[in-house]
Each structure stands twice: as structure tokens, then as C-alpha cells.
């Protein structure tokens, strides 16, 4: 039984952290100003329509139910339950951009936790640098931070895990155990939002091992921290198992959805044509340079070489996490810009730890901040001038449809689906799952020609994209059961034979 004094100490430490820098008034004001800037900049992202991923997650979250063929019911999505539960929470407001409000709240967690983590190690002088880098990555459209995808929602949880781990190893007894438990919860929650975000686990293991090897942490203290982390992670695992039991799909289906699918999808990408992924990989390198992430990493590597790879345990933990992140991004396969947001927590921590004493690192941080500010202004202005056509096509469908109508977009473009307000009888809202799970379009053809055929069909991509309809089976199904009624922003819209609808004014004219 924990003594009353120990319980009070644990409560005080747990509630006070991660705000240890609150004792320094100037540092506290600085971090609050940075948080205010993040809120202002991210507010500009609330006016735009949802991107395809955001819209797809929202469609799945709104229809989330147990007993379906997939983990989340009717629709398939290869993401962990935590992400869909966040979208489900945002959907309660009935306002689609509310997920970006939630992302902004988590972005503040990223900033505050980054400042707190740096403060734990080097004090107030590092908190400011860490806060600036974290804030820059939280807003930069160069890496698509404006889109509430898994990366921007999971990165704050990783940052919280890193910060709580650093706090735990600097304390003993029950306070260390309580903070380590929180770190385990945060690290596990990050994986439940984005399955490759195991940074918190890698960081904690590397920190504990290096601390023991360098004899900077007693074995009993390391055991306490490790036990707390395992307890916190176990709570997350228990929650995930409870969700799987609720869904009634079984562990095998859940595992294949969240983890197994990724390997199969990577085979599909490489078997077809690696040209497009390689082009995106090259673009990702350019975006990493423009956002300042890669220059920051380059300076860190050069400083490590200069120090002959000698350093305290936290330096080894940072290095191990950077290596893990690099491998995680490289194995992603598709190389979208938001992949690089996985680097945000560890780079923010590194900037806080070493920028105060390294001029080149301070220059790299200035590049990160300047890039984020400039890109946010440019993209916010350009977004208003060049709106996405997908939501406009979806609104056209919504105004043309009647209650009970259904619609399907070929081959995936979930922002059209979400804006239309119509459900799709076909369970694939994204192209990669369609190519992986329905490679011969057998299921799609059965839907288009069956009793539950969609009322509307929008052809968004070439019907033989990726050579997936080489025998024109989908084209034949449309010719036999549908008729073309409109061109919406250059995309053919089909209506099922025997159905009559009054069309809304066409968009994009």
C-alpha cells in the first residue's frame, strides 16, 4: 500500500509535469506565445474542405459499427482503432472540420511536451528552442500538417511519451513509476493512432539501456521505470483487445487490417510500377530540405561525428529514435509528405538539447521556423484561390440526389464521397486497399451489377489505371447498367438505368 505521503508526492509530480518550466515566468510566457501562434496559424486551415484521407476517415468513423465484415464495419481502412475513435469523437459535433480543431489541441500538446522534455534535461534555455521546432512542424503545410492525418495526431503522443520518460528517469520511487506509466500510455496510444509510431518505445529502451551501461541509473530505478512503462502499454493493449472484441471480427482480421495489410500493399506497389513511388520519394527529400527537417538532421549527424558518437544516454536515445524514424519512413512505400512528421518529436527534443550550445543547430532551427511561417502564409492564400474540385463534385451529387440514394467513386476519392453525404455499397474508399484486396475488381463488378448497385457512380480515375481493368469489365458494367448524365469538373457522372433525377447546376463552370 502506498503511504499517504507517497501518494501526495506522486499526485503533485504527475499534475505538475509536463509544466516544470512554469516556475520560470519568461519561459512560460514564451511557450504560451508559441502556442498562441500555433492556434492562429492552424485556424487558417479550418476554412478549407477536407482532404481525401480526412474525408475517408470521417466516413468510416460515422458509420462505425460492430459485426461488419471489416474491423470498423462496412468500410475497410488500414489504420488502428485510435485514429478512428478520434474521428468518431470529432464527428459528434456534426461539423466536418472539427477534426482539425482536435488536431490543433494535440498540436499544443506537442509544443508544451517538447518544451517540458527539453527543460527536464537542460533547463529553460532548451525549452524555447524545442517549442519553436515543435510548433513549426505542427503548422507547416510543406509536410501537410494542415491535414488531420495519422501523423499529426500521433506525433504529440510520441512527444508526450518522450517527455514523460525523461521525467521518470530523473526521479525515483512512486513518482518515477507514475510518470513511466504515463509514458507507456502515451507511447501505446501513439501506436494505436499510427501503427508505425513506435518512437516512444524505442526511445525509452535506448535511454534505459544507455543509462545502465553508463551507470547513470541504478538497476532498481531502471526496473521501476520499465515496470511503469510496461503497465501503461498494457493498458493500451487491453483497450485495443476490448475494441476488437466489440467489433466481433476476431484477432486475425484485426491484425491483418492494422499490420498485415501494409506488407501486402507494399508488394502491390512494387510489383506494379515503382516509378511513381520513386518520384514521390525524390519529392519527399526535396520537401524535407524545404521544411528544414533534413538540414536539422544533417547538423545532428555532423555533430555526432564531431563528438565521435560519444554522449550521455539521452543522446543515444535520440540517435536510436532518428534511425528508427528513418527506417519507418523508408519502408512506408508511398512516400507522402506527412511521413516526415514522424521526425517532429525527436527533432524538437534534439533542438532543445543542443541548439543552445551549437550555432549551426540554431541556424537550422531558424530555417525550420522560417519555412513553416512562409509556407503557411502561401498555402493559406493559394488554398482560397484554388479550391479542391472533389468536394464540389460531392456537393453536386448531394444536391442532385434523393434520400436513400447511394454513390460510389471510381477508384476512390473519399472527399467526393463524404461531401455527397451518400453511403457507398462498395467497401473500398481508397485506391491502394482496392488494388490490394480487390485486384481483379471482382467485388466492385459484383456491386455495380448486383441488387445493391449504387445509384450514382463517379469515374474519377482512368478505368484502366494500374492496368486494373485491362479487359474492360468495369467499362462494360457501366455501359450495361448505367448512363452518363453529367461531367462534373471533368469527371463523368453516371446514373443507374431506370432512375430519374433532376440534376443540380454543374460545378466548375
Protein backbone atom coordinates (compact mmCIF):
# COMPACT_ATOMS: atom_id res chain seq x y z
CA UNK A 1 0.00 0.00 0.00
CA UNK A 2 1.39 3.39 -0.93
CA UNK A 3 1.82 5.69 2.12
CA UNK A 4 -0.24 8.88 2.15
CA UNK A 5 2.87 11.00 1.78
CA UNK A 6 3.95 8.96 -1.25
CA UNK A 7 0.52 9.29 -2.82
CA UNK A 8 0.62 13.06 -2.38
CA UNK A 9 4.11 13.20 -3.90
CA UNK A 10 3.03 11.10 -6.88
CA UNK A 11 -0.05 13.27 -7.40
CA UNK A 12 1.93 16.51 -7.22
CA UNK A 13 4.60 15.30 -9.66
CA UNK A 14 2.08 13.87 -12.10
CA UNK A 15 -0.06 17.01 -12.16
CA UNK A 16 2.86 19.45 -12.25
CA UNK A 17 4.56 17.73 -15.16
CA UNK A 18 4.92 18.46 -18.10
CA UNK A 19 4.83 22.07 -16.98
CA UNK A 20 8.05 22.22 -14.88
CA UNK A 21 9.10 25.34 -16.74
CA UNK A 22 6.04 27.13 -15.31
CA UNK A 23 8.32 28.25 -12.49
CA UNK A 24 10.25 30.34 -14.98
CA UNK A 25 7.96 33.23 -15.85
CA UNK A 26 9.77 34.30 -19.02
CA UNK A 27 9.96 30.75 -20.37
CA UNK A 28 6.31 30.18 -19.56
CA UNK A 29 5.34 33.36 -21.42
CA UNK A 30 7.46 32.33 -24.40
CA UNK A 31 5.86 28.91 -24.64
CA UNK A 32 2.39 30.43 -24.29
CA UNK A 33 3.16 32.88 -27.11
CA UNK A 34 4.34 29.99 -29.31
CA UNK A 35 1.12 28.13 -28.52
CA UNK A 36 -0.92 31.18 -29.44
CA UNK A 37 0.90 31.45 -32.79
CA UNK A 38 0.14 27.77 -33.47
CA UNK A 39 -3.55 28.34 -32.78
CA UNK A 40 -3.68 31.39 -35.05
CA UNK A 41 -1.88 29.67 -37.94
CA UNK A 42 -3.85 26.46 -37.69
CA UNK A 43 -7.10 28.41 -37.56
CA UNK A 44 -6.50 29.30 -41.21
CA UNK A 45 -6.84 25.59 -42.00
CA UNK A 46 -10.42 25.42 -40.73
CA UNK A 47 -11.92 27.15 -43.76
CA UNK A 48 -10.80 24.65 -46.40
CA UNK A 49 -12.57 21.42 -47.34
CA UNK A 50 -11.40 18.08 -46.01
CA UNK A 51 -8.68 16.26 -47.88
CA UNK A 52 -9.29 12.76 -49.19
CA UNK A 53 -7.80 10.93 -46.19
CA UNK A 54 -9.64 13.12 -43.69
CA UNK A 55 -12.90 12.67 -45.53
CA UNK A 56 -12.44 8.90 -45.75
CA UNK A 57 -11.70 8.53 -42.04
CA UNK A 58 -14.74 10.63 -41.27
CA UNK A 59 -16.99 8.48 -43.48
CA UNK A 60 -15.70 5.33 -41.76
CA UNK A 61 -15.97 6.83 -38.26
CA UNK A 62 -19.55 8.00 -38.78
CA UNK A 63 -20.64 4.50 -39.81
CA UNK A 64 -18.52 2.66 -37.24
CA UNK A 65 -20.41 -0.40 -36.01
CA UNK A 66 -19.70 -3.94 -34.79
CA UNK A 67 -20.45 -7.09 -36.68
CA UNK A 68 -19.39 -5.96 -40.15
CA UNK A 69 -17.03 -7.81 -42.45
CA UNK A 70 -14.23 -5.37 -41.61
CA UNK A 71 -12.76 -4.13 -38.34
CA UNK A 72 -14.79 -0.92 -38.48
CA UNK A 73 -17.96 -2.31 -40.01
CA UNK A 74 -18.81 -1.90 -43.69
CA UNK A 75 -15.79 0.08 -44.89
CA UNK A 76 -12.15 -1.02 -44.87
CA UNK A 77 -9.32 1.21 -43.69
CA UNK A 78 -5.84 0.07 -42.72
CA UNK A 79 -5.49 2.23 -39.63
CA UNK A 80 -5.53 1.43 -35.89
CA UNK A 81 -8.63 1.97 -33.74
CA UNK A 82 -7.24 5.06 -32.01
CA UNK A 83 -7.35 7.14 -35.18
CA UNK A 84 -10.93 6.14 -35.96
CA UNK A 85 -12.01 6.83 -32.37
CA UNK A 86 -10.54 10.35 -32.60
CA UNK A 87 -12.52 10.90 -35.80
CA UNK A 88 -15.60 9.44 -34.15
CA UNK A 89 -15.17 11.96 -31.32
CA UNK A 90 -14.81 14.82 -33.81
CA UNK A 91 -17.87 13.61 -35.74
CA UNK A 92 -20.07 14.13 -32.68
CA UNK A 93 -20.03 17.87 -33.38
CA UNK A 94 -21.63 17.38 -36.81
CA UNK A 95 -19.10 19.84 -38.25
CA UNK A 96 -16.57 18.16 -40.55
CA UNK A 97 -13.57 20.47 -39.82
CA UNK A 98 -13.86 19.74 -36.08
CA UNK A 99 -11.19 17.08 -36.55
CA UNK A 100 -8.77 19.89 -37.36
CA UNK A 101 -9.76 21.62 -34.13
CA UNK A 102 -8.85 18.42 -32.32
CA UNK A 103 -5.57 18.31 -34.26
CA UNK A 104 -4.84 21.86 -33.11
CA UNK A 105 -5.40 20.86 -29.47
CA UNK A 106 -2.96 17.99 -29.91
CA UNK A 107 -0.51 20.35 -31.62
CA UNK A 108 -0.45 22.37 -28.40
CA UNK A 109 0.37 19.17 -26.52
CA UNK A 110 3.27 18.69 -28.94
CA UNK A 111 4.64 22.17 -28.21
CA UNK A 112 4.22 22.04 -24.44
CA UNK A 113 5.57 18.49 -24.14
CA UNK A 114 8.60 19.38 -26.30
CA UNK A 115 9.36 22.36 -24.06
CA UNK A 116 8.89 20.23 -20.97
CA UNK A 117 11.14 17.46 -22.27
CA UNK A 118 13.99 19.86 -23.05
CA UNK A 119 13.51 21.58 -19.70
CA UNK A 120 13.94 18.25 -17.92
CA UNK A 121 17.42 17.83 -19.39
CA UNK A 122 18.94 21.28 -19.95
CA UNK A 123 16.53 23.72 -18.29
CA UNK A 124 14.84 26.84 -19.60
CA UNK A 125 17.43 27.59 -22.28
CA UNK A 126 16.46 24.47 -24.18
CA UNK A 127 12.70 24.70 -23.69
CA UNK A 128 12.36 27.64 -26.05
CA UNK A 129 14.23 26.01 -28.92
CA UNK A 130 12.27 22.80 -28.56
CA UNK A 131 8.97 24.69 -28.50
CA UNK A 132 9.82 26.58 -31.70
CA UNK A 133 10.74 23.44 -33.65
CA UNK A 134 7.68 21.54 -32.42
CA UNK A 135 5.42 24.44 -33.34
CA UNK A 136 6.96 24.71 -36.80
CA UNK A 137 6.31 21.08 -37.60
CA UNK A 138 2.81 21.36 -36.14
CA UNK A 139 1.79 24.01 -38.68
CA UNK A 140 3.96 23.54 -41.76
CA UNK A 141 1.95 22.76 -44.91
CA UNK A 142 5.19 21.69 -46.57
CA UNK A 143 4.69 18.37 -44.76
CA UNK A 144 0.88 18.57 -44.96
CA UNK A 145 0.49 19.34 -41.27
CA UNK A 146 -2.77 21.11 -42.12
CA UNK A 147 -4.31 17.71 -42.88
CA UNK A 148 -5.52 15.81 -39.81
CA UNK A 149 -3.90 12.57 -40.85
CA UNK A 150 -2.48 9.95 -38.51
CA UNK A 151 0.98 11.52 -38.31
CA UNK A 152 -0.05 14.93 -36.96
CA UNK A 153 -2.40 13.24 -34.47
CA UNK A 154 0.14 10.67 -33.27
CA UNK A 155 3.24 12.90 -33.05
CA UNK A 156 2.02 14.78 -29.92
CA UNK A 157 1.50 11.46 -28.14
CA UNK A 158 5.05 10.43 -29.05
CA UNK A 159 6.37 13.76 -27.76
CA UNK A 160 4.47 13.27 -24.53
CA UNK A 161 5.92 9.77 -24.16
CA UNK A 162 9.48 11.06 -24.67
CA UNK A 163 8.99 13.85 -22.19
CA UNK A 164 7.43 11.65 -19.52
CA UNK A 165 10.22 9.10 -19.95
CA UNK A 166 12.86 11.77 -19.39
CA UNK A 167 11.00 12.96 -16.32
CA UNK A 168 10.70 9.42 -14.98
CA UNK A 169 14.43 8.58 -15.17
CA UNK A 170 15.20 11.73 -13.20
CA UNK A 171 13.05 10.66 -10.28
CA UNK A 172 12.83 7.66 -8.03
CA UNK A 173 10.16 5.57 -6.36
CA UNK A 174 6.48 6.13 -6.94
CA UNK A 175 6.85 9.43 -8.81
CA UNK A 176 9.12 7.69 -11.34
CA UNK A 177 6.68 4.80 -11.61
CA UNK A 178 3.72 7.12 -12.17
CA UNK A 179 5.49 9.13 -14.85
CA UNK A 180 6.74 5.97 -16.57
CA UNK A 181 3.20 4.61 -16.58
CA UNK A 182 2.05 7.80 -18.29
CA UNK A 183 4.88 7.42 -20.80
CA UNK A 184 3.76 3.87 -21.56
CA UNK A 185 0.18 5.03 -22.04
CA UNK A 186 1.26 7.82 -24.40
CA UNK A 187 3.63 5.57 -26.37
CA UNK A 188 0.96 2.89 -26.77
CA UNK A 189 -1.69 5.44 -27.71
CA UNK A 190 0.60 6.77 -30.47
CA UNK A 191 0.82 3.28 -31.99
CA UNK A 192 -2.96 3.00 -31.76
CA UNK A 193 -3.26 6.18 -33.84
CA UNK A 194 -0.49 5.40 -36.38
CA UNK A 195 0.83 1.87 -36.27
CA UNK A 196 4.45 2.64 -37.15
CA UNK A 197 4.84 5.33 -34.49
CA UNK A 198 6.77 3.16 -32.03
CA UNK A 199 9.18 6.01 -31.29
CA UNK A 200 8.24 6.19 -27.62
CA UNK A 201 9.14 2.54 -27.06
CA UNK A 202 12.43 2.81 -28.97
CA UNK A 203 13.41 5.99 -27.11
CA UNK A 204 12.64 4.53 -23.68
CA UNK A 205 14.50 1.28 -24.34
CA UNK A 206 17.57 3.08 -25.69
CA UNK A 207 17.55 5.54 -22.80
CA UNK A 208 17.33 2.82 -20.16
CA UNK A 209 19.98 0.62 -21.77
CA UNK A 210 22.41 3.52 -22.25
CA UNK A 211 21.78 4.73 -18.70
CA UNK A 212 22.57 1.28 -17.31
CA UNK A 213 25.66 0.82 -19.49
CA UNK A 214 27.00 4.23 -18.46
CA UNK A 215 25.99 3.54 -14.86
CA UNK A 216 23.92 6.69 -14.62
CA UNK A 217 20.84 4.85 -13.40
CA UNK A 218 20.60 2.21 -10.70
CA UNK A 219 19.16 -1.14 -11.71
CA UNK A 220 16.31 -0.82 -9.24
CA UNK A 221 15.38 2.60 -10.60
CA UNK A 222 15.54 1.29 -14.16
CA UNK A 223 13.30 -1.61 -13.15
CA UNK A 224 10.77 0.82 -11.67
CA UNK A 225 10.70 2.89 -14.86
CA UNK A 226 10.48 -0.21 -17.03
CA UNK A 227 7.66 -1.66 -14.96
CA UNK A 228 5.70 1.59 -15.21
CA UNK A 229 6.16 1.71 -18.95
CA UNK A 230 5.03 -1.88 -19.37
CA UNK A 231 1.97 -1.20 -17.20
CA UNK A 232 0.99 1.83 -19.26
CA UNK A 233 1.48 -0.02 -22.53
CA UNK A 234 -0.50 -2.98 -21.22
CA UNK A 235 -3.47 -0.72 -20.54
CA UNK A 236 -3.43 0.37 -24.19
CA UNK A 237 -3.16 -3.24 -25.38
CA UNK A 238 -6.10 -4.18 -23.17
CA UNK A 239 -8.13 -1.34 -24.65
CA UNK A 240 -7.27 -2.45 -28.19
CA UNK A 241 -8.31 -6.04 -27.39
CA UNK A 242 -11.56 -4.75 -25.93
CA UNK A 243 -12.24 -2.86 -29.17
CA UNK A 244 -11.56 -5.99 -31.22
CA UNK A 245 -13.95 -7.97 -29.01
CA UNK A 246 -16.58 -5.26 -29.52
CA UNK A 247 -16.09 -5.32 -33.29
CA UNK A 248 -16.65 -9.12 -33.37
CA UNK A 249 -14.22 -9.66 -36.26
CA UNK A 250 -11.58 -11.64 -34.38
CA UNK A 251 -7.88 -11.03 -33.71
CA UNK A 252 -6.73 -12.37 -37.08
CA UNK A 253 -8.83 -9.88 -39.04
CA UNK A 254 -7.83 -7.01 -36.74
CA UNK A 255 -4.12 -7.86 -37.06
CA UNK A 256 -4.32 -8.12 -40.85
CA UNK A 257 -6.18 -4.81 -41.03
CA UNK A 258 -3.71 -2.80 -38.96
CA UNK A 259 -0.38 -4.53 -39.59
CA UNK A 260 -0.58 -7.37 -42.10
CA UNK A 261 -2.14 -5.26 -44.83
CA UNK A 262 0.88 -2.96 -45.01
CA UNK A 263 3.23 -5.72 -46.17
CA UNK A 264 0.80 -6.94 -48.81
CA UNK A 265 0.17 -3.39 -50.02
CA UNK A 266 3.90 -2.75 -50.33
CA UNK A 267 4.17 -5.83 -52.55
CA UNK A 268 1.35 -4.46 -54.71
CA UNK A 269 3.15 -1.12 -55.06
CA UNK A 270 6.49 -2.67 -56.02
CA UNK A 271 5.01 -5.33 -58.29
CA UNK A 272 3.13 -2.84 -60.44
CA UNK A 273 5.39 0.12 -61.07
CA UNK A 274 7.90 1.75 -58.76
CA UNK A 275 8.20 4.84 -60.95
CA UNK A 276 5.52 6.87 -59.13
CA UNK A 277 6.73 5.94 -55.61
CA UNK A 278 10.31 6.80 -56.59
CA UNK A 279 9.19 10.18 -57.88
CA UNK A 280 7.36 10.82 -54.60
CA UNK A 281 10.44 9.68 -52.67
CA UNK A 282 12.56 12.22 -54.54
CA UNK A 283 9.93 14.88 -53.89
CA UNK A 284 9.90 13.88 -50.22
CA UNK A 285 13.60 14.57 -49.99
CA UNK A 286 13.04 18.00 -51.53
CA UNK A 287 10.20 18.75 -49.13
CA UNK A 288 12.33 17.59 -46.21
CA UNK A 289 15.01 20.07 -47.27
CA UNK A 290 12.47 22.85 -47.74
CA UNK A 291 10.84 22.20 -44.36
CA UNK A 292 14.24 22.20 -42.65
CA UNK A 293 13.86 18.67 -41.29
CA UNK A 294 16.72 17.16 -43.29
CA UNK A 295 19.15 20.06 -42.70
CA UNK A 296 18.41 19.72 -38.98
CA UNK A 297 19.14 16.00 -39.17
CA UNK A 298 22.33 16.63 -41.14
CA UNK A 299 23.63 19.01 -38.49
CA UNK A 300 22.82 16.49 -35.76
CA UNK A 301 24.72 13.76 -37.61
CA UNK A 302 27.72 16.02 -38.19
CA UNK A 303 27.76 16.99 -34.50
CA UNK A 304 27.64 13.31 -33.57
CA UNK A 305 30.61 12.59 -35.83
CA UNK A 306 32.49 15.51 -34.35
CA UNK A 307 31.87 14.10 -30.87
CA UNK A 308 32.92 10.62 -32.10
CA UNK A 309 29.49 9.26 -31.19
CA UNK A 310 30.09 9.80 -27.50
CA UNK A 311 27.42 11.32 -25.38
CA UNK A 312 25.02 10.92 -22.48
CA UNK A 313 22.17 8.37 -22.53
CA UNK A 314 19.70 10.89 -23.94
CA UNK A 315 21.96 11.39 -26.97
CA UNK A 316 21.94 7.65 -27.65
CA UNK A 317 18.17 7.58 -27.23
CA UNK A 318 17.76 10.42 -29.71
CA UNK A 319 20.09 8.69 -32.18
CA UNK A 320 18.25 5.38 -31.92
CA UNK A 321 14.91 7.10 -32.45
CA UNK A 322 16.15 9.01 -35.50
CA UNK A 323 17.38 5.75 -37.04
CA UNK A 324 14.04 4.09 -36.31
CA UNK A 325 12.16 7.00 -37.85
CA UNK A 326 14.31 6.94 -40.96
CA UNK A 327 13.64 3.23 -41.44
CA UNK A 328 9.92 3.75 -40.79
CA UNK A 329 9.67 6.48 -43.42
CA UNK A 330 11.71 4.48 -45.94
CA UNK A 331 9.51 1.40 -45.51
CA UNK A 332 6.31 3.42 -45.92
CA UNK A 333 6.35 2.75 -49.65
CA UNK A 334 4.13 5.59 -50.82
CA UNK A 335 6.29 8.48 -49.53
CA UNK A 336 3.66 11.10 -48.88
CA UNK A 337 4.87 14.41 -47.38
CA UNK A 338 3.27 13.83 -43.98
CA UNK A 339 5.53 10.79 -43.45
CA UNK A 340 8.27 13.19 -42.31
CA UNK A 341 6.12 14.44 -39.42
CA UNK A 342 7.24 11.31 -37.58
CA UNK A 343 10.56 13.11 -37.10
CA UNK A 344 8.96 16.10 -35.39
CA UNK A 345 9.13 14.90 -31.73
CA UNK A 346 12.73 13.70 -31.77
CA UNK A 347 13.98 16.69 -33.78
CA UNK A 348 12.21 19.11 -31.43
CA UNK A 349 13.85 17.38 -28.47
CA UNK A 350 17.26 17.40 -30.16
CA UNK A 351 16.96 21.11 -30.92
CA UNK A 352 16.10 21.82 -27.29
CA UNK A 353 19.02 19.78 -26.01
CA UNK A 354 21.81 21.08 -28.24
CA UNK A 355 20.76 24.28 -30.02
CA UNK A 356 21.67 26.50 -27.04
CA UNK A 357 25.33 25.46 -27.44
CA UNK A 358 25.62 24.85 -31.20
CA UNK A 359 25.49 27.74 -33.63
CA UNK A 360 24.91 25.56 -36.70
CA UNK A 361 21.99 23.87 -34.99
CA UNK A 362 20.47 27.23 -34.12
CA UNK A 363 20.75 28.21 -37.79
CA UNK A 364 18.95 25.01 -38.79
CA UNK A 365 16.18 25.76 -36.30
CA UNK A 366 15.77 29.24 -37.76
CA UNK A 367 15.39 27.62 -41.21
CA UNK A 368 12.67 25.30 -39.87
CA UNK A 369 10.75 28.19 -38.32
CA UNK A 370 11.08 30.48 -41.34
CA UNK A 371 9.98 27.72 -43.70
CA UNK A 372 6.89 26.95 -41.63
CA UNK A 373 5.80 30.58 -41.40
CA UNK A 374 6.33 31.31 -45.09
CA UNK A 375 4.68 28.11 -46.29
CA UNK A 376 1.65 28.61 -44.05
CA UNK A 377 1.01 32.07 -45.49
CA UNK A 378 1.48 30.90 -49.09
CA UNK A 379 -0.66 27.76 -48.80
CA UNK A 380 -3.45 29.51 -46.90
CA UNK A 381 -3.67 32.11 -49.65
CA UNK A 382 -3.36 29.60 -52.50
CA UNK A 383 -5.94 27.30 -50.92
CA UNK A 384 -8.57 30.01 -51.07
CA UNK A 385 -7.69 30.83 -54.68
CA UNK A 386 -7.63 27.22 -55.92
CA UNK A 387 -10.27 25.15 -54.11
CA UNK A 388 -10.34 21.36 -54.45
CA UNK A 389 -12.71 20.00 -57.08
CA UNK A 390 -13.53 16.82 -55.13
CA UNK A 391 -15.84 18.40 -52.54
CA UNK A 392 -17.51 20.46 -55.26
CA UNK A 393 -18.38 17.30 -57.17
CA UNK A 394 -19.65 15.77 -53.94
CA UNK A 395 -21.89 18.76 -53.28
CA UNK A 396 -23.24 18.47 -56.83
CA UNK A 397 -24.18 14.86 -56.12
CA UNK A 398 -25.76 15.79 -52.79
CA UNK A 399 -27.96 18.44 -54.43
CA UNK A 400 -28.92 16.06 -57.26
CA UNK A 401 -29.68 13.00 -55.10
CA UNK A 402 -32.78 11.96 -53.22
CA UNK A 403 -32.98 10.35 -49.77
CA UNK A 404 -31.91 6.74 -49.95
CA UNK A 405 -29.55 7.21 -52.89
CA UNK A 406 -26.09 5.65 -52.77
CA UNK A 407 -22.92 6.51 -54.64
CA UNK A 408 -19.50 5.10 -55.45
CA UNK A 409 -16.40 6.92 -56.69
CA UNK A 410 -14.05 5.02 -59.01
CA UNK A 411 -11.35 4.48 -57.88
CA UNK A 412 -11.52 6.14 -54.54
CA UNK A 413 -11.64 9.82 -53.74
CA UNK A 414 -13.19 9.94 -50.34
CA UNK A 415 -13.62 13.71 -50.25
CA UNK A 416 -16.22 13.30 -53.03
CA UNK A 417 -17.90 10.51 -51.07
CA UNK A 418 -18.01 12.50 -47.83
CA UNK A 419 -19.28 15.69 -49.44
CA UNK A 420 -22.04 13.78 -51.24
CA UNK A 421 -23.48 12.57 -47.95
CA UNK A 422 -24.31 9.24 -49.61
CA UNK A 423 -23.08 5.82 -48.45
CA UNK A 424 -21.26 3.55 -50.84
CA UNK A 425 -22.15 -0.14 -51.19
CA UNK A 426 -18.51 -0.77 -52.18
CA UNK A 427 -16.32 -1.02 -49.04
CA UNK A 428 -13.13 0.49 -50.52
CA UNK A 429 -12.73 4.27 -50.25
CA UNK A 430 -9.01 4.33 -51.17
CA UNK A 431 -7.18 3.08 -54.26
CA UNK A 432 -4.41 1.11 -52.53
CA UNK A 433 -6.78 -1.09 -50.47
CA UNK A 434 -8.84 -1.63 -53.62
CA UNK A 435 -5.77 -2.71 -55.60
CA UNK A 436 -4.64 -4.94 -52.73
CA UNK A 437 -7.91 -6.56 -51.62
CA UNK A 438 -9.83 -6.49 -54.90
CA UNK A 439 -7.04 -6.71 -57.50
CA UNK A 440 -9.28 -8.10 -60.26
CA UNK A 441 -12.20 -5.81 -59.30
CA UNK A 442 -14.38 -8.87 -58.77
CA UNK A 443 -16.10 -7.32 -55.76
CA UNK A 444 -16.56 -3.95 -57.48
CA UNK A 445 -18.10 -5.56 -60.59
CA UNK A 446 -20.45 -7.60 -58.39
CA UNK A 447 -21.57 -4.41 -56.63
CA UNK A 448 -22.15 -2.48 -59.86
CA UNK A 449 -24.20 -5.28 -61.40
CA UNK A 450 -25.91 -6.58 -58.25
CA UNK A 451 -29.10 -5.75 -56.34
CA UNK A 452 -27.35 -3.15 -54.19
CA UNK A 453 -25.75 -1.28 -57.07
CA UNK A 454 -25.06 2.39 -56.29
CA UNK A 455 -27.48 4.97 -57.64
CA UNK A 456 -24.60 7.19 -58.74
CA UNK A 457 -21.12 6.38 -60.00
CA UNK A 458 -18.36 8.95 -60.47
CA UNK A 459 -15.39 7.95 -62.60
CA UNK A 460 -12.54 9.88 -61.02
CA UNK A 461 -9.61 7.95 -62.48
CA UNK A 462 -8.94 6.17 -65.75
CA UNK A 463 -10.87 2.91 -65.62
CA UNK A 464 -7.72 1.03 -66.58
CA UNK A 465 -5.41 2.82 -64.18
CA UNK A 466 -2.59 0.50 -62.99
CA UNK A 467 -3.84 -1.87 -65.77
CA UNK A 468 -6.51 -2.99 -63.33
CA UNK A 469 -9.34 -3.22 -65.90
CA UNK A 470 -7.44 -4.47 -68.92
CA UNK A 471 -10.46 -6.49 -70.09
CA UNK A 472 -12.86 -3.53 -69.78
CA UNK A 473 -15.12 -5.33 -67.33
CA UNK A 474 -15.92 -2.21 -65.34
CA UNK A 475 -16.47 -0.24 -68.52
CA UNK A 476 -18.86 -2.96 -69.70
CA UNK A 477 -20.71 -2.98 -66.37
CA UNK A 478 -21.24 0.78 -66.61
CA UNK A 479 -22.42 0.50 -70.22
CA UNK A 480 -24.93 -2.20 -69.36
CA UNK A 481 -26.38 -0.76 -66.15
CA UNK A 482 -25.71 3.00 -66.17
CA UNK A 483 -25.94 6.05 -68.37
CA UNK A 484 -23.75 9.13 -68.30
CA UNK A 485 -25.69 12.18 -67.12
CA UNK A 486 -23.04 14.83 -66.43
CA UNK A 487 -19.41 15.89 -66.49
CA UNK A 488 -18.59 17.33 -63.08
CA UNK A 489 -15.29 19.22 -63.08
CA UNK A 490 -14.17 16.96 -65.93
CA UNK A 491 -15.22 13.70 -64.26
CA UNK A 492 -18.03 11.58 -65.77
CA UNK A 493 -21.06 11.06 -63.55
CA UNK A 494 -23.28 8.04 -64.19
CA UNK A 495 -26.85 7.36 -63.03
CA UNK A 496 -28.30 3.86 -62.75
CA UNK A 497 -30.67 2.82 -65.51
CA UNK A 498 -34.32 3.27 -64.64
CA UNK A 499 -33.59 6.08 -62.17
CA UNK A 500 -34.61 9.67 -62.90
CA UNK A 501 -33.16 12.63 -61.07
CA UNK A 502 -33.19 16.39 -61.54
CA UNK A 503 -29.55 17.45 -61.77
CA UNK A 504 -28.17 20.41 -59.84
CA UNK A 505 -26.22 23.06 -61.75
CA UNK A 506 -22.86 21.51 -62.75
CA UNK A 507 -19.83 22.60 -60.71
CA UNK A 508 -16.57 24.06 -62.01
CA UNK A 509 -18.28 26.26 -64.62
